[in-house]
Protein backbone atom coordinates (compact mmCIF):
# COMPACT_ATOMS: atom_id res chain seq x y z
CA MET A 1 0.00 0.00 0.00
CA GLY A 2 2.88 2.40 0.69
CA TRP A 3 4.30 2.15 -2.81
CA LEU A 4 0.83 2.37 -4.39
CA GLY A 5 0.09 5.52 -2.40
CA PHE A 6 3.41 6.98 -3.50
CA GLY A 7 2.48 6.33 -7.16
CA VAL A 8 -0.94 7.97 -6.80
CA ALA A 9 0.53 10.99 -5.02
CA TYR A 10 3.27 11.33 -7.66
CA SER A 11 0.67 11.16 -10.48
CA ILE A 12 -1.57 13.78 -8.83
CA LEU A 13 1.42 16.08 -8.29
CA TYR A 14 2.35 15.65 -11.96
CA ALA A 15 -1.18 16.40 -13.12
CA VAL A 16 -1.49 19.53 -10.97
CA LEU A 17 1.87 20.94 -12.03
CA SER A 18 1.25 20.08 -15.70
CA ALA A 19 -1.96 22.13 -15.69
CA TYR A 20 -0.13 25.31 -14.73
CA LEU A 21 2.97 24.94 -16.89
CA LYS A 22 3.43 26.74 -20.20
CA PRO A 23 3.42 24.60 -23.37
CA GLY A 24 7.12 25.24 -23.98
CA VAL A 25 8.11 24.02 -20.51
CA LEU A 26 5.76 21.02 -20.45
CA PRO A 27 7.99 18.64 -22.54
CA TRP A 28 10.95 19.26 -20.24
CA PHE A 29 8.78 18.73 -17.20
CA ARG A 30 7.56 15.42 -18.65
CA ILE A 31 11.14 14.29 -19.23
CA LEU A 32 12.03 15.13 -15.62
CA ALA A 33 8.92 13.37 -14.26
CA LEU A 34 9.61 10.25 -16.33
CA LEU A 35 13.36 9.93 -15.79
CA ALA A 36 13.61 10.88 -12.11
CA PRO A 37 12.21 7.63 -10.56
CA PRO A 38 14.21 5.15 -12.72
CA ILE A 39 17.42 7.11 -12.19
CA ALA A 40 16.73 7.25 -8.45
CA GLY A 41 16.32 3.46 -8.42
CA VAL A 42 19.62 2.99 -10.24
CA VAL A 43 21.37 5.34 -7.79
CA ILE A 44 19.94 3.49 -4.77
CA VAL A 45 21.19 0.14 -6.00
CA MET A 46 24.60 1.45 -7.06
CA ARG A 47 25.26 3.45 -3.87
CA ARG A 48 24.48 0.44 -1.68
CA ARG A 49 26.69 -1.73 -3.85
CA ARG A 50 24.05 -4.39 -4.19
CA SER A 51 23.71 -7.06 -6.86
CA TRP A 52 20.89 -6.33 -9.31
CA GLY A 53 19.98 -9.86 -10.17
CA LEU A 54 16.83 -10.22 -12.30
CA TYR A 55 15.48 -6.84 -11.20
CA GLN A 56 17.86 -4.99 -13.51
CA TRP A 57 15.75 -5.86 -16.56
CA ILE A 58 12.65 -4.32 -15.03
CA VAL A 59 14.52 -1.13 -14.08
CA TRP A 60 16.16 -0.82 -17.51
CA SER A 61 12.83 -1.49 -19.26
CA THR A 62 11.15 1.23 -17.21
CA LEU A 63 13.97 3.63 -17.98
CA GLY A 64 13.66 2.78 -21.69
CA LEU A 65 9.89 3.42 -21.59
CA ALA A 66 10.54 6.80 -19.99
CA LEU A 67 13.05 7.70 -22.71
CA VAL A 68 10.62 6.68 -25.49
CA LEU A 69 7.79 8.73 -24.00
CA SER A 70 10.14 11.67 -23.53
CA ALA A 71 11.24 11.51 -27.18
CA ALA A 72 7.62 11.29 -28.30
CA SER A 73 6.81 14.37 -26.26
CA PHE A 74 9.53 16.39 -28.03
CA SER A 75 8.61 15.10 -31.49
CA GLY A 76 5.16 16.67 -31.24
CA TRP A 77 3.36 13.35 -31.03
CA GLN A 78 0.00 13.93 -29.44
CA ILE A 79 -0.33 11.78 -26.34
CA ASP A 80 -3.48 11.51 -24.31
CA GLU A 81 -2.79 13.13 -20.93
CA LEU A 82 -4.65 10.35 -19.08
CA LEU A 83 -2.45 7.70 -20.65
CA PHE A 84 0.63 9.81 -20.04
CA GLY A 85 -0.38 10.22 -16.40
CA LEU A 86 -0.77 6.44 -16.09
CA ALA A 87 2.70 5.99 -17.58
CA VAL A 88 4.06 8.48 -15.08
CA ALA A 89 2.44 6.49 -12.23
CA ILE A 90 3.99 3.24 -13.48
CA VAL A 91 7.38 4.80 -14.08
CA SER A 92 7.34 6.45 -10.65
CA VAL A 93 6.52 3.29 -8.67
CA LEU A 94 8.03 0.35 -10.53
CA PRO A 95 11.76 1.23 -10.60
CA LEU A 96 11.85 2.40 -6.99
CA LEU A 97 9.96 -0.70 -5.91
CA MET A 98 12.39 -2.92 -7.79
CA ALA A 99 15.35 -1.09 -6.27
CA ARG A 100 13.92 -1.59 -2.80
CA LEU A 101 13.31 -5.29 -3.45
CA THR A 102 16.85 -5.64 -4.78
CA VAL A 103 18.35 -4.10 -1.64
CA GLU A 104 16.14 -6.13 0.71
CA SER A 105 16.85 -9.37 -1.15
CA THR A 106 20.59 -8.78 -0.94
CA GLU A 107 20.35 -7.96 2.76
CA LEU A 108 18.34 -11.14 3.36
CA ARG A 109 21.02 -13.17 1.60
CA GLN A 110 23.68 -11.54 3.79
CA VAL A 111 21.68 -12.31 6.93
CA ASP A 112 21.24 -15.90 5.75
CA THR A 113 24.99 -16.19 5.11
CA LYS A 114 25.73 -14.79 8.57
CA LEU A 115 23.31 -17.23 10.19
CA ARG A 116 24.89 -20.13 8.31
CA LEU A 117 28.34 -19.00 9.48
CA MET A 118 27.19 -18.77 13.10
CA GLY A 119 25.54 -22.17 12.83
CA ALA A 120 28.72 -23.73 11.43
CA ALA A 121 30.76 -22.13 14.24
CA VAL A 122 28.42 -23.61 16.86
CA GLU A 123 28.53 -27.05 15.23
CA GLU A 124 32.33 -27.13 14.94
CA ALA A 125 33.05 -25.72 18.42
CA ASN A 126 34.85 -28.00 20.86
CA GLU A 127 32.62 -26.80 23.71
CA LEU A 128 29.44 -28.73 24.38
CA ILE A 129 26.53 -26.45 23.42
CA LEU A 130 22.91 -27.19 24.32
CA ILE A 131 19.88 -24.97 23.63
CA ILE A 132 16.72 -25.54 25.67
CA SER A 133 13.39 -23.72 25.70
CA SER A 134 11.95 -21.80 28.63
CA ASP A 135 9.76 -24.81 29.48
CA PHE A 136 12.91 -27.00 29.66
CA ILE A 137 12.72 -28.92 26.40
CA ILE A 138 15.85 -29.50 24.35
CA GLN A 139 15.74 -27.59 21.07
CA HIS A 140 19.25 -28.15 19.70
CA ALA A 141 22.67 -29.61 20.55
CA ASN A 142 25.91 -29.27 18.65
CA ARG A 143 28.06 -32.13 17.40
CA ALA A 144 30.44 -32.03 20.36
CA PHE A 145 27.54 -32.44 22.82
CA CYS A 146 26.16 -35.39 20.85
CA ASP A 147 29.58 -37.06 20.73
CA ALA A 148 30.15 -36.54 24.47
CA THR A 149 26.79 -37.95 25.54
CA GLY A 150 26.45 -40.66 22.90
CA TYR A 151 23.05 -39.46 21.65
CA ALA A 152 22.08 -38.58 18.09
CA LEU A 153 20.60 -35.11 17.57
CA ASP A 154 17.12 -36.42 16.77
CA GLU A 155 17.22 -38.40 20.04
CA LEU A 156 17.96 -35.25 22.04
CA ILE A 157 15.42 -32.87 20.49
CA GLY A 158 12.23 -32.87 22.54
CA ARG A 159 13.82 -34.53 25.59
CA SER A 160 13.94 -33.02 29.04
CA PRO A 161 17.48 -31.89 29.95
CA LYS A 162 16.96 -33.48 33.36
CA THR A 163 17.34 -36.93 31.79
CA LEU A 164 20.93 -36.01 30.84
CA LEU A 165 21.96 -35.12 34.39
CA GLY A 166 23.15 -37.23 37.28
CA ASP A 167 21.01 -37.36 40.40
CA GLU A 168 23.32 -34.94 42.22
CA SER A 169 22.87 -32.26 39.53
CA ALA A 170 19.17 -32.60 38.67
CA ALA A 171 18.13 -30.10 41.35
CA LYS A 172 20.31 -27.39 39.82
CA LEU A 173 17.89 -27.02 36.90
CA GLU A 174 15.50 -25.19 39.21
CA GLU A 175 18.09 -22.43 39.60
CA LEU A 176 17.68 -21.60 35.90
CA ARG A 177 14.10 -20.45 36.42
CA ARG A 178 15.42 -17.48 38.38
CA LEU A 179 17.74 -16.30 35.61
CA ASN A 180 16.88 -12.93 34.05
CA LYS A 181 18.27 -10.98 31.11
CA GLY A 182 21.98 -10.26 31.48
CA GLU A 183 22.54 -12.88 34.19
CA THR A 184 24.74 -15.98 33.89
CA TRP A 185 24.79 -19.24 35.82
CA ASN A 186 28.21 -20.87 36.30
CA GLY A 187 28.82 -24.18 37.98
CA THR A 188 29.64 -27.86 37.61
CA LEU A 189 27.17 -30.44 36.35
CA MET A 190 27.36 -34.22 36.36
CA ARG A 191 26.36 -35.26 32.84
CA LYS A 192 24.87 -38.68 32.15
CA ARG A 193 25.73 -40.45 28.89
CA LYS A 194 23.49 -42.74 26.91
CA ASP A 195 25.25 -45.78 28.39
CA ALA A 196 24.47 -44.45 31.93
CA THR A 197 28.09 -43.49 32.65
CA THR A 198 28.73 -39.95 33.89
CA PHE A 199 31.29 -37.19 33.52
CA GLN A 200 31.81 -33.80 35.12
CA ALA A 201 31.34 -30.66 33.04
CA ALA A 202 32.05 -27.02 33.79
CA CYS A 203 28.93 -25.21 32.62
CA ALA A 204 27.91 -21.61 31.84
CA ILE A 205 24.22 -20.92 31.12
CA VAL A 206 22.81 -17.67 29.72
CA PRO A 207 19.14 -16.82 29.02
CA LEU A 208 17.88 -15.51 25.67
CA THR A 209 15.06 -12.97 25.81
CA ASP A 210 12.56 -11.45 23.38
CA LYS A 211 11.86 -7.73 22.86
CA ASP A 212 9.75 -7.70 26.05
CA ASP A 213 12.68 -9.15 28.09
CA ARG A 214 10.88 -12.44 28.59
CA VAL A 215 13.15 -15.51 28.67
CA THR A 216 12.52 -17.71 25.64
CA HIS A 217 15.54 -20.03 25.63
CA PHE A 218 18.63 -21.00 27.62
CA VAL A 219 22.03 -21.60 26.02
CA GLN A 220 24.35 -23.98 27.88
CA MET A 221 28.08 -24.00 27.08
CA GLU A 222 29.97 -26.82 28.76
CA ARG A 223 33.43 -28.34 28.91
CA ASP A 224 34.33 -31.88 29.98
CA ILE A 225 36.65 -31.51 33.00
CA THR A 226 37.10 -35.20 33.78
CA ASP A 227 40.83 -35.11 33.01
CA GLU A 228 41.26 -31.90 35.03
CA VAL A 229 39.56 -33.47 38.04
CA ARG A 230 41.80 -36.51 37.77
CA LEU A 231 44.89 -34.36 37.47
CA ARG A 232 43.84 -32.38 40.53
CA ALA A 233 43.32 -35.62 42.44
CA GLN A 234 46.74 -36.81 41.28
CA LEU A 235 48.37 -33.60 42.49
CA ILE A 236 46.70 -33.98 45.88
CA HIS A 237 47.77 -37.62 45.96
CA SER A 238 51.35 -36.59 45.11
CA GLU A 239 51.36 -34.04 47.91
CA ARG A 240 50.17 -36.69 50.33
CA LEU A 241 52.85 -39.10 49.11
CA SER A 242 55.44 -36.38 49.61
CA ALA A 243 54.23 -35.86 53.18
CA VAL A 244 54.25 -39.63 53.79
CA GLY A 245 57.78 -39.81 52.37
CA GLN A 246 58.99 -37.18 54.82
CA LEU A 247 57.28 -39.06 57.66
CA VAL A 248 58.81 -42.38 56.57
CA SER A 249 62.22 -40.76 56.33
CA GLY A 250 61.95 -39.43 59.87
CA VAL A 251 60.67 -42.73 61.25
CA ALA A 252 63.38 -44.70 59.43
CA HIS A 253 66.10 -42.51 60.94
CA GLU A 254 64.58 -42.94 64.39
CA LEU A 255 64.41 -46.72 63.97
CA ASN A 256 67.94 -46.97 62.66
CA ASN A 257 69.52 -45.80 65.94
CA PRO A 258 67.95 -48.43 68.26
CA LEU A 259 68.54 -51.10 65.59
CA GLN A 260 72.25 -50.37 65.65
CA SER A 261 72.21 -50.66 69.42
CA ILE A 262 70.40 -53.99 69.21
CA LEU A 263 72.94 -55.28 66.69
CA GLY A 264 75.89 -54.12 68.75
CA PHE A 265 74.71 -55.60 72.04
CA THR A 266 73.62 -58.83 70.32
CA GLU A 267 77.09 -59.33 68.88
CA LEU A 268 78.63 -58.72 72.29
CA LEU A 269 76.30 -61.30 73.82
CA ILE A 270 77.11 -63.82 71.10
CA ASP A 271 80.85 -63.43 71.75
CA ALA A 272 80.34 -63.91 75.49
CA GLU A 273 77.80 -66.74 75.30
CA GLN A 274 79.07 -70.32 75.38
CA ARG A 275 75.81 -72.27 75.40
CA PRO A 276 74.85 -73.48 71.88
CA GLU A 277 71.11 -73.00 72.38
CA ALA A 278 71.52 -69.43 73.60
CA ARG A 279 73.99 -68.59 70.81
CA ARG A 280 71.48 -69.94 68.26
CA ASP A 281 68.75 -67.71 69.65
CA LEU A 282 71.09 -64.69 69.65
CA GLU A 283 72.06 -65.41 66.05
CA GLN A 284 68.37 -65.36 65.13
CA VAL A 285 67.98 -62.00 66.88
CA ARG A 286 70.95 -60.59 64.97
CA LYS A 287 69.59 -61.98 61.67
CA GLU A 288 66.22 -60.29 62.19
CA ALA A 289 67.91 -57.05 63.27
CA VAL A 290 70.03 -57.08 60.10
CA ARG A 291 66.87 -57.69 58.07
CA ALA A 292 65.13 -54.79 59.79
CA GLY A 293 68.13 -52.55 59.13
CA LYS A 294 68.05 -53.49 55.44
CA ILE A 295 64.37 -52.58 55.25
CA VAL A 296 65.13 -49.21 56.84
CA ARG A 297 67.91 -48.54 54.34
CA ASN A 298 65.66 -49.47 51.43
CA LEU A 299 62.96 -47.12 52.69
CA LEU A 300 65.46 -44.29 53.03
CA ALA A 301 66.77 -44.95 49.52
CA PHE A 302 63.26 -44.93 48.08
CA VAL A 303 61.95 -41.74 49.73
CA ARG A 304 65.19 -39.83 49.15
CA ARG A 305 64.76 -37.11 46.54
CA SER A 306 65.96 -38.24 43.15
CA SER A 307 68.73 -36.19 41.58
CA SER A 308 68.98 -35.51 37.87
CA GLU A 309 72.42 -37.13 37.74
CA ARG A 310 72.82 -40.58 36.22
CA THR A 311 75.41 -43.10 37.29
CA THR A 312 76.56 -46.53 36.15
CA SER A 313 74.41 -49.06 37.99
CA ASN A 314 73.80 -52.77 38.15
CA VAL A 315 70.24 -53.59 37.15
CA ASN A 316 70.15 -56.73 39.29
CA ASP A 317 70.97 -54.70 42.41
CA ILE A 318 68.22 -52.17 41.65
CA VAL A 319 65.65 -54.92 41.13
CA LYS A 320 66.63 -56.80 44.30
CA THR A 321 66.46 -53.63 46.39
CA THR A 322 63.02 -52.78 45.03
CA ILE A 323 61.62 -56.28 45.59
CA ALA A 324 62.83 -56.20 49.18
CA LEU A 325 60.41 -53.36 49.83
CA ARG A 326 57.42 -55.63 49.07
CA SER A 327 58.65 -59.01 50.30
CA TYR A 328 56.49 -58.94 53.44
CA GLU A 329 53.35 -58.00 51.46
CA PHE A 330 53.99 -60.86 49.04
CA ALA A 331 54.05 -63.33 51.92
CA THR A 332 50.85 -62.02 53.52
CA ALA A 333 48.99 -62.02 50.17
CA ASN A 334 50.02 -65.60 49.35
CA ILE A 335 52.03 -64.46 46.33
CA ARG A 336 54.90 -66.73 45.32
CA LEU A 337 57.85 -64.76 44.02
CA PHE A 338 60.31 -66.15 41.46
CA GLU A 339 63.44 -64.15 40.72
CA SER A 340 65.72 -64.92 37.78
CA TYR A 341 68.82 -62.75 37.41
CA ALA A 342 71.17 -63.06 34.46
CA GLU A 343 74.83 -63.13 35.41
CA GLY A 344 77.37 -60.87 33.75
CA LEU A 345 74.86 -58.23 32.71
CA PRO A 346 76.46 -55.01 31.46
CA VAL A 347 76.06 -51.93 33.60
CA VAL A 348 73.59 -49.22 32.60
CA VAL A 349 73.78 -45.44 32.95
CA VAL A 350 70.58 -44.52 34.78
CA ASN A 351 69.06 -42.60 37.63
CA PRO A 352 68.66 -45.50 40.10
CA GLU A 353 65.77 -43.90 41.99
CA GLU A 354 63.76 -43.36 38.82
CA ILE A 355 64.32 -46.92 37.58
CA GLN A 356 63.36 -48.17 41.03
CA GLN A 357 60.15 -46.13 40.76
CA VAL A 358 59.30 -47.82 37.45
CA ILE A 359 59.98 -51.32 38.77
CA LEU A 360 58.02 -50.68 41.97
CA ASN A 361 55.04 -49.41 39.97
CA LEU A 362 55.02 -52.56 37.81
CA ILE A 363 55.34 -54.79 40.88
CA LEU A 364 52.49 -52.97 42.65
CA ASN A 365 50.26 -53.34 39.58
CA ALA A 366 50.99 -57.07 39.44
CA GLU A 367 50.41 -57.44 43.18
CA GLN A 368 47.05 -55.64 42.98
CA ALA A 369 46.00 -57.78 40.01
CA ILE A 370 46.79 -60.98 41.92
CA ARG A 371 45.04 -59.70 45.06
CA GLY A 372 41.98 -58.88 42.94
CA ALA A 373 41.74 -62.53 41.88
CA LYS A 374 41.48 -63.48 45.61
CA ARG A 375 43.27 -66.79 45.13
CA GLY A 376 46.95 -66.01 45.54
CA GLY A 377 49.28 -66.24 42.61
CA THR A 378 52.76 -66.10 41.17
CA LEU A 379 54.98 -63.14 40.35
CA MET A 380 58.07 -63.71 38.23
CA VAL A 381 60.84 -61.13 37.83
CA THR A 382 63.50 -61.82 35.20
CA THR A 383 66.52 -59.82 34.02
CA ASN A 384 68.33 -60.52 30.78
CA GLY A 385 70.34 -58.93 28.00
CA VAL A 386 69.01 -58.73 24.43
CA GLY A 387 70.72 -56.92 21.55
CA GLY A 388 72.56 -54.29 23.53
CA MET A 389 69.60 -53.74 25.87
CA VAL A 390 69.19 -54.86 29.46
CA THR A 391 65.63 -56.06 29.99
CA ILE A 392 63.53 -56.52 33.11
CA ASP A 393 60.40 -58.68 32.72
CA ILE A 394 57.71 -58.56 35.41
CA ARG A 395 55.03 -61.18 34.88
CA ASP A 396 52.02 -62.23 36.95
CA ASP A 397 49.30 -64.86 36.58
CA GLY A 398 46.44 -62.51 37.45
CA PRO A 399 43.45 -61.68 35.23
CA GLY A 400 45.67 -59.82 32.75
CA VAL A 401 44.80 -56.90 30.47
CA PRO A 402 41.92 -57.34 27.97
CA SER A 403 43.14 -57.25 24.38
CA ALA A 404 40.75 -54.39 23.60
CA LEU A 405 42.47 -52.23 26.24
CA ALA A 406 46.07 -53.30 25.66
CA GLY A 407 46.76 -50.33 23.41
CA ARG A 408 45.57 -47.81 26.00
CA VAL A 409 47.34 -48.88 29.20
CA PHE A 410 50.05 -46.24 28.75
CA GLU A 411 47.60 -43.38 28.13
CA PRO A 412 47.50 -40.71 30.87
CA PHE A 413 44.51 -41.07 33.22
CA PHE A 414 43.54 -44.45 31.78
CA SER A 415 43.12 -47.17 34.39
CA THR A 416 41.56 -50.63 34.52
CA LYS A 417 41.23 -50.41 38.31
CA GLU A 418 38.09 -49.53 40.21
CA VAL A 419 37.30 -45.90 40.95
CA GLY A 420 39.47 -44.62 43.78
CA GLU A 421 42.11 -47.36 43.41
CA GLY A 422 44.30 -45.70 40.80
CA THR A 423 44.99 -42.37 39.13
CA GLY A 424 45.81 -43.75 35.69
CA LEU A 425 49.20 -42.01 35.64
CA GLY A 426 51.52 -44.73 36.94
CA LEU A 427 52.26 -46.46 33.63
CA SER A 428 52.36 -43.23 31.63
CA ILE A 429 54.96 -41.80 34.05
CA ALA A 430 56.88 -45.08 33.93
CA MET A 431 56.85 -44.94 30.12
CA GLY A 432 58.18 -41.37 30.25
CA ILE A 433 61.03 -42.39 32.55
CA ALA A 434 61.95 -45.35 30.33
CA GLU A 435 61.97 -43.22 27.17
CA ALA A 436 63.98 -40.49 28.93
CA HIS A 437 66.68 -43.12 29.51
CA GLY A 438 66.64 -44.11 25.84
CA GLY A 439 64.74 -47.30 26.57
CA SER A 440 61.15 -48.51 26.36
CA LEU A 441 58.33 -50.04 28.35
CA ALA A 442 56.03 -52.52 26.63
CA LEU A 443 53.18 -54.88 27.41
CA LEU A 444 54.09 -58.30 26.02
CA PRO A 445 51.45 -60.81 24.84
CA THR A 446 51.04 -63.77 27.22
CA ASP A 447 48.73 -66.75 27.55
CA GLN A 448 47.89 -65.85 31.15
CA GLY A 449 48.20 -62.73 33.25
CA ALA A 450 50.26 -59.73 32.17
CA CYS A 451 53.93 -59.26 31.37
CA PHE A 452 55.64 -55.87 31.18
CA ARG A 453 59.16 -55.47 29.83
CA LEU A 454 61.40 -52.55 30.77
CA SER A 455 64.33 -52.18 28.37
CA ILE A 456 67.37 -49.98 29.11
CA PRO A 457 70.39 -49.44 26.83
CA ALA A 458 73.53 -51.15 28.06
CA ALA A 459 76.55 -48.99 28.76
CA VAL A 460 78.94 -51.64 27.44
CA SER A 461 78.47 -54.76 25.33
CA ASP A 462 79.40 -57.85 27.30
CA ALA A 463 78.63 -61.49 26.74
CA MET A 464 75.39 -62.63 28.33
CA THR A 465 74.92 -65.80 30.29
CA VAL A 466 71.84 -67.94 30.50
CA PRO A 467 69.84 -67.03 33.63
CA THR A 468 69.33 -69.56 36.32
CA LEU A 469 65.84 -69.73 37.88
CA VAL A 470 65.94 -69.10 41.60
CA LEU A 471 62.97 -69.66 43.92
CA ALA A 472 62.86 -66.90 46.52
CA ARG A 473 60.59 -66.74 49.49
C-alpha cells in the first residue's frame, strides 16, 4: 500500500503541475517526471553496492519506456494526458519498488549467510553447546555435545534436559528459572551419557530474551573436566605421598639408631655366650635385626629425593632392592615370588631412583591384580640382555589386560582399576622415565596374566649368560 500511495501521489502532483505549466516548458517537465524515478532506483542500487539480479531488466525497461515517452513528447506526437499520467504512475513506482526489493533481497542473503556461518561455528566448536526452551525442552545440541553424551541429535530434540543429568545435579535445573536478562549461571554439572556413565562438566548458562525481556531459551556452554579433576586428584595424591615420604624418612632414621644398638649388644652377647642354644637364639635375633636394618635402608633410599644425575648401575641390584620393599606384602597375600637374574649383565647409565620407581610401579600393579583374583598367585621377575639392551620382565598370573584395552594402558589417566584405586598415571609416568633413559616399556602378549618389559640401553656390550631360575621366598 505504501508504494501504491506513492504512485498515486506522484501522479496527482504531476497532473497539478502540468496544468499550470506553459506549453514550452511542459515537454521538459515530462522528461524530468519520467526519468527521475528510474534514475533514483539505479542510484539506490549502485550506492548500496548491491547485486541487481533479475530486477535490472525491469529497471532498464522502465527507464527505456521513460526515454521513449520523452522523445515522443519532443517530437510533437500527441499523447493523451490520461495515458501519459498512467505511464508516469507506473514509471514512478516500478523502478523504486524494484530497487527496494533488490536491496532487501541482498540484505536477506547476507543475513542468511551470517546465520549459516554462526551455525557452522556452533557445530564445529569443541565446547558442548545445548539450547533448551523456557519450558525446559531441548531444542538443539551441537556435534560435540552429541559425541560426548552418545546421543544422536534427533534423540535429544524434545527430551527433558533433566534426563541427561546425574542425580546430584538434577536439582540445579530449578536455579535456571530465576535467571533474568543479562545474568549468567556458572557451575559444575554431572552429565549422564546414553550408556548411563557420567562425567563432570564445567557449565555456563545464559538466558535468551525477546523484545519484552521475557526468557525464551537458555544456552548452555559446557566443557568436559574429567581429566582436570583426575589431574587435581593426582596432584593432591602426590602431595600426600610427599608428606608420607617425609614421615617415613623421619621414622626410618629414628628406627635406625635403636637397631644399631640392638645389633651391637647382640654381637657382644654372642661373643660372650658359650651355650649353643643361647647362641642360636642370639644369632636369630641378629639376623632379624640385620633384616630390619636393610628394610630401613631401602625405605630411606626410596623416599630420598631423586637427583637428575645418572650413574653406572647394576640392574640386578636395583631390582633386588626394590623387591625387598614388598617381600612382606607378598608373603601375607600368598604371592609366590620367582626371581631370575642373568649373570654378567652389562652396567647401565641410569638414575637409580627413577628406575626403582618404574619397577616398583610394575610390581604394585601385578600385586594388585593378583590380590583382585582373591586366590593367591605367582609373580616372576626376570633380568636378561638382548641386543645391547638390558631387559627386566615382570610377569604375573592374574586376570591380565583385555586385548581391547592393551593399546591404551600407557595413556595418561587411563586405568583398569576400580574408581578410587588408581589415578591412571603410573604407567604413563613409567613410560616417560623409560623413554627419557633411551629405553622402552612394553606390554608383552602372554597366555595368562600380564607381562611388562622394561628395556634400558647397556653402557657396554658384554657377553650374556643364560639365567638360572631361583625360587625366593
